[in-house]
Amino acid sequence: MIVALMASLASKFNAAATLVTMDFFRERYPNATGRTEVLVGRTATAAIVVMGVCWVLVIKSLHSDLYVYLQSVQGYLSPAIAVLFVLGVYWKRATPAAALWAFVIGVVGGFARLAADLVMRTDGALVTSLKQQRYHNTLTPEQYAAAIAPIRERHGWVFEFWNIHWLYYTQILFLTTAALMIVLSFVTRPPEAGALRFTWYGATAAEKAATRASWTALDVALSLVALSAVVVFYILFW
């Protein structure tokens, strides 16, 4: 397990260092030497390691199961990324400026929900317990409302914001980010023709044929099974 963890972390650190060096530093300093780029990459890796260590304190403060933490945090950050990929690949009118601002606002929205989780980390466990009792009918609606009233009054709008189920919140965040990117794309300059090569429409016939040949009917069937399972889970736990 430790070896697998180290291998996973090493790949992520290497990818992050490459991103910082090649996409940011080299764009700003195109004439930098290879030695300088290596130093920048190592510095970026060290900074990311320090940030990761500090993030452990955030995980500890949430007082939640590791699985729930992983799913919720990924849910807070994934909508903005998904919108960028879907609209960026399949919509010709999507613009870089719209993508940037939609992504920034989407990530800010995700971190805002994470901040609410931190604020509610103590009372959140009690609220969850009360909801479970209400679900199993061990509490009446009146008892539940009376028990939760002091918490709602103590935290105000933060409680109302946090009380939105995190799965619903990710859906709201996805739709909000998508709408924002669409609106901003229409009010900003259209992308240049050369940028379309990065979209689905820029692929050649040979590239599309190669992509189509890479999956089979079995892949489609298994994807439909997975999608159906997700829909069933949503219906069962609605």
C-alpha atoms as a PDB file:
ATOM      1  CA  MET A   1       0.000   0.000   0.000  1.00  0.00           C
ATOM      2  CA  ILE A   2       2.823   2.399   0.853  1.00  0.00           C
ATOM      3  CA  VAL A   3       4.587   1.657  -2.450  1.00  0.00           C
ATOM      4  CA  ALA A   4       1.357   2.231  -4.395  1.00  0.00           C
ATOM      5  CA  LEU A   5       0.764   5.472  -2.512  1.00  0.00           C
ATOM      6  CA  MET A   6       4.290   6.719  -3.199  1.00  0.00           C
ATOM      7  CA  ALA A   7       4.002   5.835  -6.891  1.00  0.00           C
ATOM      8  CA  SER A   8       0.701   7.689  -7.155  1.00  0.00           C
ATOM      9  CA  LEU A   9       2.062  10.743  -5.357  1.00  0.00           C
ATOM     10  CA  ALA A  10       5.245  10.731  -7.423  1.00  0.00           C
ATOM     11  CA  SER A  11       3.269  10.799 -10.668  1.00  0.00           C
ATOM     12  CA  LYS A  12       1.086  13.653  -9.411  1.00  0.00           C
ATOM     13  CA  PHE A  13       4.094  15.668  -8.216  1.00  0.00           C
ATOM     14  CA  ASN A  14       5.827  15.137 -11.539  1.00  0.00           C
ATOM     15  CA  ALA A  15       2.715  16.180 -13.480  1.00  0.00           C
ATOM     16  CA  ALA A  16       2.261  19.291 -11.344  1.00  0.00           C
ATOM     17  CA  ALA A  17       5.924  20.284 -11.718  1.00  0.00           C
ATOM     18  CA  THR A  18       5.701  19.785 -15.482  1.00  0.00           C
ATOM     19  CA  LEU A  19       2.560  21.926 -15.634  1.00  0.00           C
ATOM     20  CA  VAL A  20       4.194  24.779 -13.711  1.00  0.00           C
ATOM     21  CA  THR A  21       7.437  24.599 -15.676  1.00  0.00           C
ATOM     22  CA  MET A  22       6.182  24.073 -19.219  1.00  0.00           C
ATOM     23  CA  ASP A  23       2.837  25.905 -19.214  1.00  0.00           C
ATOM     24  CA  PHE A  24       3.659  28.863 -16.974  1.00  0.00           C
ATOM     25  CA  PHE A  25       7.390  29.391 -16.515  1.00  0.00           C
ATOM     26  CA  ARG A  26       8.429  28.597 -20.085  1.00  0.00           C
ATOM     27  CA  GLU A  27       5.673  30.810 -21.501  1.00  0.00           C
ATOM     28  CA  ARG A  28       6.998  33.723 -19.450  1.00  0.00           C
ATOM     29  CA  TYR A  29      10.700  32.947 -19.856  1.00  0.00           C
ATOM     30  CA  PRO A  30      11.112  31.139 -23.203  1.00  0.00           C
ATOM     31  CA  ASN A  31      14.912  31.586 -23.215  1.00  0.00           C
ATOM     32  CA  ALA A  32      15.511  30.010 -19.808  1.00  0.00           C
ATOM     33  CA  THR A  33      18.150  27.274 -19.675  1.00  0.00           C
ATOM     34  CA  GLY A  34      17.412  23.643 -18.969  1.00  0.00           C
ATOM     35  CA  ARG A  35      19.128  23.898 -15.580  1.00  0.00           C
ATOM     36  CA  THR A  36      16.817  26.762 -14.601  1.00  0.00           C
ATOM     37  CA  GLU A  37      13.742  24.815 -15.698  1.00  0.00           C
ATOM     38  CA  VAL A  38      14.834  21.829 -13.617  1.00  0.00           C
ATOM     39  CA  LEU A  39      15.270  24.104 -10.599  1.00  0.00           C
ATOM     40  CA  VAL A  40      11.810  25.587 -11.131  1.00  0.00           C
ATOM     41  CA  GLY A  41      10.332  22.099 -11.390  1.00  0.00           C
ATOM     42  CA  ARG A  42      11.979  20.988  -8.161  1.00  0.00           C
ATOM     43  CA  THR A  43      10.851  24.141  -6.384  1.00  0.00           C
ATOM     44  CA  ALA A  44       7.279  23.601  -7.596  1.00  0.00           C
ATOM     45  CA  THR A  45       7.386  20.000  -6.367  1.00  0.00           C
ATOM     46  CA  ALA A  46       8.619  21.088  -2.925  1.00  0.00           C
ATOM     47  CA  ALA A  47       5.883  23.732  -2.705  1.00  0.00           C
ATOM     48  CA  ILE A  48       3.204  21.206  -3.641  1.00  0.00           C
ATOM     49  CA  VAL A  49       4.498  18.752  -1.027  1.00  0.00           C
ATOM     50  CA  VAL A  50       4.280  21.474   1.658  1.00  0.00           C
ATOM     51  CA  MET A  51       0.745  22.337   0.518  1.00  0.00           C
ATOM     52  CA  GLY A  52      -0.190  18.651   0.691  1.00  0.00           C
ATOM     53  CA  VAL A  53       1.134  18.346   4.235  1.00  0.00           C
ATOM     54  CA  CYS A  54      -0.810  21.454   5.278  1.00  0.00           C
ATOM     55  CA  TRP A  55      -3.933  20.040   3.655  1.00  0.00           C
ATOM     56  CA  VAL A  56      -3.794  17.099   6.061  1.00  0.00           C
ATOM     57  CA  LEU A  57      -4.801  19.561   8.790  1.00  0.00           C
ATOM     58  CA  VAL A  58      -7.905  20.423   6.766  1.00  0.00           C
ATOM     59  CA  ILE A  59      -8.800  16.739   6.430  1.00  0.00           C
ATOM     60  CA  LYS A  60      -8.338  16.258  10.163  1.00  0.00           C
ATOM     61  CA  SER A  61     -10.552  19.247  10.950  1.00  0.00           C
ATOM     62  CA  LEU A  62     -13.488  17.941   8.913  1.00  0.00           C
ATOM     63  CA  HIS A  63     -14.094  15.024  11.308  1.00  0.00           C
ATOM     64  CA  SER A  64     -15.567  12.909   8.497  1.00  0.00           C
ATOM     65  CA  ASP A  65     -14.882   9.493   7.039  1.00  0.00           C
ATOM     66  CA  LEU A  66     -12.063   9.438   4.530  1.00  0.00           C
ATOM     67  CA  TYR A  67     -14.354   8.030   1.821  1.00  0.00           C
ATOM     68  CA  VAL A  68     -16.961  10.750   2.373  1.00  0.00           C
ATOM     69  CA  TYR A  69     -14.222  13.389   2.361  1.00  0.00           C
ATOM     70  CA  LEU A  70     -12.746  12.144  -0.929  1.00  0.00           C
ATOM     71  CA  GLN A  71     -16.115  11.967  -2.646  1.00  0.00           C
ATOM     72  CA  SER A  72     -17.307  15.365  -1.428  1.00  0.00           C
ATOM     73  CA  VAL A  73     -14.087  17.255  -2.214  1.00  0.00           C
ATOM     74  CA  GLN A  74     -13.865  15.676  -5.668  1.00  0.00           C
ATOM     75  CA  GLY A  75     -17.521  16.590  -6.134  1.00  0.00           C
ATOM     76  CA  TYR A  76     -16.832  20.223  -5.246  1.00  0.00           C
ATOM     77  CA  LEU A  77     -13.961  20.553  -7.730  1.00  0.00           C
ATOM     78  CA  SER A  78     -15.083  18.271 -10.561  1.00  0.00           C
ATOM     79  CA  PRO A  79     -18.051  20.292 -11.945  1.00  0.00           C
ATOM     80  CA  ALA A  80     -15.882  23.178 -13.147  1.00  0.00           C
ATOM     81  CA  ILE A  81     -13.398  20.774 -14.745  1.00  0.00           C
ATOM     82  CA  ALA A  82     -16.171  18.746 -16.395  1.00  0.00           C
ATOM     83  CA  VAL A  83     -17.785  21.871 -17.856  1.00  0.00           C
ATOM     84  CA  LEU A  84     -14.473  22.987 -19.332  1.00  0.00           C
ATOM     85  CA  PHE A  85     -13.874  19.672 -21.048  1.00  0.00           C
ATOM     86  CA  VAL A  86     -17.422  19.108 -22.309  1.00  0.00           C
ATOM     87  CA  LEU A  87     -18.042  22.595 -23.680  1.00  0.00           C
ATOM     88  CA  GLY A  88     -14.441  23.102 -24.748  1.00  0.00           C
ATOM     89  CA  VAL A  89     -14.439  19.942 -26.845  1.00  0.00           C
ATOM     90  CA  TYR A  90     -17.987  19.880 -28.223  1.00  0.00           C
ATOM     91  CA  TRP A  91     -18.927  23.560 -28.583  1.00  0.00           C
ATOM     92  CA  LYS A  92     -17.214  25.673 -31.230  1.00  0.00           C
ATOM     93  CA  ARG A  93     -18.262  28.996 -29.690  1.00  0.00           C
ATOM     94  CA  ALA A  94     -16.572  28.397 -26.329  1.00  0.00           C
ATOM     95  CA  THR A  95     -13.888  31.027 -25.710  1.00  0.00           C
ATOM     96  CA  PRO A  96     -10.715  30.926 -23.592  1.00  0.00           C
ATOM     97  CA  ALA A  97     -11.780  33.925 -21.489  1.00  0.00           C
ATOM     98  CA  ALA A  98     -15.152  32.331 -20.710  1.00  0.00           C
ATOM     99  CA  ALA A  99     -13.461  29.056 -19.826  1.00  0.00           C
ATOM    100  CA  LEU A 100     -11.037  30.799 -17.464  1.00  0.00           C
ATOM    101  CA  TRP A 101     -13.648  32.803 -15.571  1.00  0.00           C
ATOM    102  CA  ALA A 102     -16.146  29.936 -15.424  1.00  0.00           C
ATOM    103  CA  PHE A 103     -13.448  27.651 -14.069  1.00  0.00           C
ATOM    104  CA  VAL A 104     -12.297  30.194 -11.469  1.00  0.00           C
ATOM    105  CA  ILE A 105     -15.831  30.861 -10.240  1.00  0.00           C
ATOM    106  CA  GLY A 106     -16.632  27.145 -10.228  1.00  0.00           C
ATOM    107  CA  VAL A 107     -13.555  26.366  -8.119  1.00  0.00           C
ATOM    108  CA  VAL A 108     -14.347  29.273  -5.774  1.00  0.00           C
ATOM    109  CA  GLY A 109     -17.838  27.855  -5.376  1.00  0.00           C
ATOM    110  CA  GLY A 110     -16.381  24.459  -4.546  1.00  0.00           C
ATOM    111  CA  PHE A 111     -13.995  25.869  -1.960  1.00  0.00           C
ATOM    112  CA  ALA A 112     -16.830  27.942  -0.477  1.00  0.00           C
ATOM    113  CA  ARG A 113     -18.719  24.736   0.220  1.00  0.00           C
ATOM    114  CA  LEU A 114     -15.575  23.192   1.693  1.00  0.00           C
ATOM    115  CA  ALA A 115     -15.232  26.240   3.967  1.00  0.00           C
ATOM    116  CA  ALA A 116     -18.832  25.727   5.085  1.00  0.00           C
ATOM    117  CA  ASP A 117     -17.985  22.104   5.909  1.00  0.00           C
ATOM    118  CA  LEU A 118     -15.128  23.344   8.087  1.00  0.00           C
ATOM    119  CA  VAL A 119     -17.361  25.845   9.888  1.00  0.00           C
ATOM    120  CA  MET A 120     -19.996  23.144  10.492  1.00  0.00           C
ATOM    121  CA  ARG A 121     -17.521  20.392  11.349  1.00  0.00           C
ATOM    122  CA  THR A 122     -18.679  20.156  14.989  1.00  0.00           C
ATOM    123  CA  ASP A 123     -22.422  20.702  14.685  1.00  0.00           C
ATOM    124  CA  GLY A 124     -22.499  18.873  11.356  1.00  0.00           C
ATOM    125  CA  ALA A 125     -22.129  15.486  13.029  1.00  0.00           C
ATOM    126  CA  LEU A 126     -25.097  16.251  15.284  1.00  0.00           C
ATOM    127  CA  VAL A 127     -27.196  17.415  12.335  1.00  0.00           C
ATOM    128  CA  THR A 128     -26.346  14.241  10.428  1.00  0.00           C
ATOM    129  CA  SER A 129     -27.382  12.132  13.420  1.00  0.00           C
ATOM    130  CA  LEU A 130     -30.659  14.024  13.724  1.00  0.00           C
ATOM    131  CA  LYS A 131     -31.375  13.535  10.022  1.00  0.00           C
ATOM    132  CA  GLN A 132     -30.746   9.807  10.338  1.00  0.00           C
ATOM    133  CA  GLN A 133     -33.138   9.611  13.284  1.00  0.00           C
ATOM    134  CA  ARG A 134     -35.716  11.561  11.325  1.00  0.00           C
ATOM    135  CA  TYR A 135     -35.242   9.234   8.346  1.00  0.00           C
ATOM    136  CA  HIS A 136     -35.830   6.165  10.544  1.00  0.00           C
ATOM    137  CA  ASN A 137     -38.870   7.850  12.142  1.00  0.00           C
ATOM    138  CA  THR A 138     -37.361   7.853  15.637  1.00  0.00           C
ATOM    139  CA  LEU A 139     -37.890  11.627  15.666  1.00  0.00           C
ATOM    140  CA  THR A 140     -41.073  13.430  14.719  1.00  0.00           C
ATOM    141  CA  PRO A 141     -40.863  16.443  12.398  1.00  0.00           C
ATOM    142  CA  GLU A 142     -41.567  18.703  15.370  1.00  0.00           C
ATOM    143  CA  GLN A 143     -38.784  17.130  17.465  1.00  0.00           C
ATOM    144  CA  TYR A 144     -36.363  17.382  14.568  1.00  0.00           C
ATOM    145  CA  ALA A 145     -37.205  21.042  13.965  1.00  0.00           C
ATOM    146  CA  ALA A 146     -36.817  21.842  17.664  1.00  0.00           C
ATOM    147  CA  ALA A 147     -33.461  20.066  17.917  1.00  0.00           C
ATOM    148  CA  ILE A 148     -32.045  21.723  14.818  1.00  0.00           C
ATOM    149  CA  ALA A 149     -33.348  25.239  15.569  1.00  0.00           C
ATOM    150  CA  PRO A 150     -30.431  26.278  17.869  1.00  0.00           C
ATOM    151  CA  ILE A 151     -27.885  25.160  15.277  1.00  0.00           C
ATOM    152  CA  ARG A 152     -29.694  27.021  12.505  1.00  0.00           C
ATOM    153  CA  GLU A 153     -29.839  30.155  14.635  1.00  0.00           C
ATOM    154  CA  ARG A 154     -26.180  29.900  15.650  1.00  0.00           C
ATOM    155  CA  HIS A 155     -24.794  29.617  12.118  1.00  0.00           C
ATOM    156  CA  GLY A 156     -27.402  31.556  10.133  1.00  0.00           C
ATOM    157  CA  TRP A 157     -26.998  31.522   6.361  1.00  0.00           C
ATOM    158  CA  VAL A 158     -23.911  29.310   6.621  1.00  0.00           C
ATOM    159  CA  PHE A 159     -26.134  26.538   7.920  1.00  0.00           C
ATOM    160  CA  GLU A 160     -28.625  26.990   5.094  1.00  0.00           C
ATOM    161  CA  PHE A 161     -25.777  26.891   2.575  1.00  0.00           C
ATOM    162  CA  TRP A 162     -24.208  23.830   4.187  1.00  0.00           C
ATOM    163  CA  ASN A 163     -27.557  22.066   4.606  1.00  0.00           C
ATOM    164  CA  ILE A 164     -27.847  21.570   0.844  1.00  0.00           C
ATOM    165  CA  HIS A 165     -26.868  17.945   0.256  1.00  0.00           C
ATOM    166  CA  TRP A 166     -23.395  17.888  -1.289  1.00  0.00           C
ATOM    167  CA  LEU A 167     -24.562  15.804  -4.254  1.00  0.00           C
ATOM    168  CA  TYR A 168     -27.260  18.350  -5.053  1.00  0.00           C
ATOM    169  CA  TYR A 169     -24.727  21.121  -4.561  1.00  0.00           C
ATOM    170  CA  THR A 170     -22.385  19.592  -7.146  1.00  0.00           C
ATOM    171  CA  GLN A 171     -25.254  19.466  -9.641  1.00  0.00           C
ATOM    172  CA  ILE A 172     -26.103  23.118  -8.957  1.00  0.00           C
ATOM    173  CA  LEU A 173     -22.446  24.048  -9.305  1.00  0.00           C
ATOM    174  CA  PHE A 174     -22.195  22.174 -12.614  1.00  0.00           C
ATOM    175  CA  LEU A 175     -25.238  23.907 -14.089  1.00  0.00           C
ATOM    176  CA  THR A 176     -24.140  27.318 -12.796  1.00  0.00           C
ATOM    177  CA  THR A 177     -20.633  26.944 -14.219  1.00  0.00           C
ATOM    178  CA  ALA A 178     -21.994  25.755 -17.564  1.00  0.00           C
ATOM    179  CA  ALA A 179     -24.468  28.654 -17.799  1.00  0.00           C
ATOM    180  CA  LEU A 180     -21.736  31.117 -16.898  1.00  0.00           C
ATOM    181  CA  MET A 181     -19.383  29.754 -19.532  1.00  0.00           C
ATOM    182  CA  ILE A 182     -22.107  29.877 -22.203  1.00  0.00           C
ATOM    183  CA  VAL A 183     -23.085  33.464 -21.394  1.00  0.00           C
ATOM    184  CA  LEU A 184     -19.480  34.686 -21.231  1.00  0.00           C
ATOM    185  CA  SER A 185     -18.663  32.928 -24.504  1.00  0.00           C
ATOM    186  CA  PHE A 186     -21.372  34.903 -26.295  1.00  0.00           C
ATOM    187  CA  VAL A 187     -20.143  38.253 -24.942  1.00  0.00           C
ATOM    188  CA  THR A 188     -16.442  37.659 -25.659  1.00  0.00           C
ATOM    189  CA  ARG A 189     -14.532  37.420 -28.915  1.00  0.00           C
ATOM    190  CA  PRO A 190     -15.091  34.118 -30.808  1.00  0.00           C
ATOM    191  CA  PRO A 191     -12.125  31.738 -30.832  1.00  0.00           C
ATOM    192  CA  GLU A 192      -9.762  31.821 -33.782  1.00  0.00           C
ATOM    193  CA  ALA A 193     -10.062  29.151 -36.441  1.00  0.00           C
ATOM    194  CA  GLY A 194      -6.780  27.575 -35.360  1.00  0.00           C
ATOM    195  CA  ALA A 195      -8.146  26.906 -31.893  1.00  0.00           C
ATOM    196  CA  LEU A 196     -10.794  24.558 -33.311  1.00  0.00           C
ATOM    197  CA  ARG A 197      -8.145  21.904 -33.842  1.00  0.00           C
ATOM    198  CA  PHE A 198      -8.414  21.178 -30.124  1.00  0.00           C
ATOM    199  CA  THR A 199     -12.154  20.439 -30.395  1.00  0.00           C
ATOM    200  CA  TRP A 200     -14.045  17.404 -31.633  1.00  0.00           C
ATOM    201  CA  TYR A 201     -14.795  19.260 -34.861  1.00  0.00           C
ATOM    202  CA  GLY A 202     -11.099  19.716 -35.607  1.00  0.00           C
ATOM    203  CA  ALA A 203     -10.390  15.993 -35.747  1.00  0.00           C
ATOM    204  CA  THR A 204      -9.709  14.494 -39.157  1.00  0.00           C
ATOM    205  CA  ALA A 205     -11.740  11.641 -40.607  1.00  0.00           C
ATOM    206  CA  ALA A 206      -8.858   9.249 -39.907  1.00  0.00           C
ATOM    207  CA  GLU A 207      -8.641  10.356 -36.276  1.00  0.00           C
ATOM    208  CA  LYS A 208     -12.389   9.932 -35.794  1.00  0.00           C
ATOM    209  CA  ALA A 209     -12.242   6.479 -37.386  1.00  0.00           C
ATOM    210  CA  ALA A 210      -9.389   5.477 -35.073  1.00  0.00           C
ATOM    211  CA  THR A 211     -11.360   6.666 -32.063  1.00  0.00           C
ATOM    212  CA  ARG A 212     -14.466   4.786 -33.195  1.00  0.00           C
ATOM    213  CA  ALA A 213     -12.430   1.595 -33.681  1.00  0.00           C
ATOM    214  CA  SER A 214     -11.013   1.823 -30.140  1.00  0.00           C
ATOM    215  CA  TRP A 215     -14.308   0.837 -28.451  1.00  0.00           C
ATOM    216  CA  THR A 216     -16.670  -2.076 -29.014  1.00  0.00           C
ATOM    217  CA  ALA A 217     -20.286  -2.953 -28.338  1.00  0.00           C
ATOM    218  CA  LEU A 218     -19.199  -4.511 -25.040  1.00  0.00           C
ATOM    219  CA  ASP A 219     -17.738  -1.177 -23.931  1.00  0.00           C
ATOM    220  CA  VAL A 220     -21.057   0.526 -24.729  1.00  0.00           C
ATOM    221  CA  ALA A 221     -23.030  -2.145 -22.862  1.00  0.00           C
ATOM    222  CA  LEU A 222     -20.855  -1.899 -19.757  1.00  0.00           C
ATOM    223  CA  SER A 223     -21.089   1.898 -19.827  1.00  0.00           C
ATOM    224  CA  LEU A 224     -24.875   1.677 -19.968  1.00  0.00           C
ATOM    225  CA  VAL A 225     -24.846  -0.755 -17.029  1.00  0.00           C
ATOM    226  CA  ALA A 226     -22.736   1.657 -14.979  1.00  0.00           C
ATOM    227  CA  LEU A 227     -24.975   4.591 -15.925  1.00  0.00           C
ATOM    228  CA  SER A 228     -28.088   2.596 -15.039  1.00  0.00           C
ATOM    229  CA  ALA A 229     -26.602   1.724 -11.643  1.00  0.00           C
ATOM    230  CA  VAL A 230     -25.993   5.415 -10.915  1.00  0.00           C
ATOM    231  CA  VAL A 231     -29.594   6.253 -11.867  1.00  0.00           C
ATOM    232  CA  VAL A 232     -30.920   3.451  -9.636  1.00  0.00           C
ATOM    233  CA  PHE A 233     -28.842   4.693  -6.696  1.00  0.00           C
ATOM    234  CA  TYR A 234     -30.190   8.216  -7.160  1.00  0.00           C
ATOM    235  CA  ILE A 235     -33.775   6.898  -7.216  1.00  0.00           C
ATOM    236  CA  LEU A 236     -33.284   4.676  -4.155  1.00  0.00           C
ATOM    237  CA  PHE A 237     -31.630   7.366  -2.045  1.00  0.00           C
ATOM    238  CA  TRP A 238     -33.682  10.333  -3.291  1.00  0.00           C
END
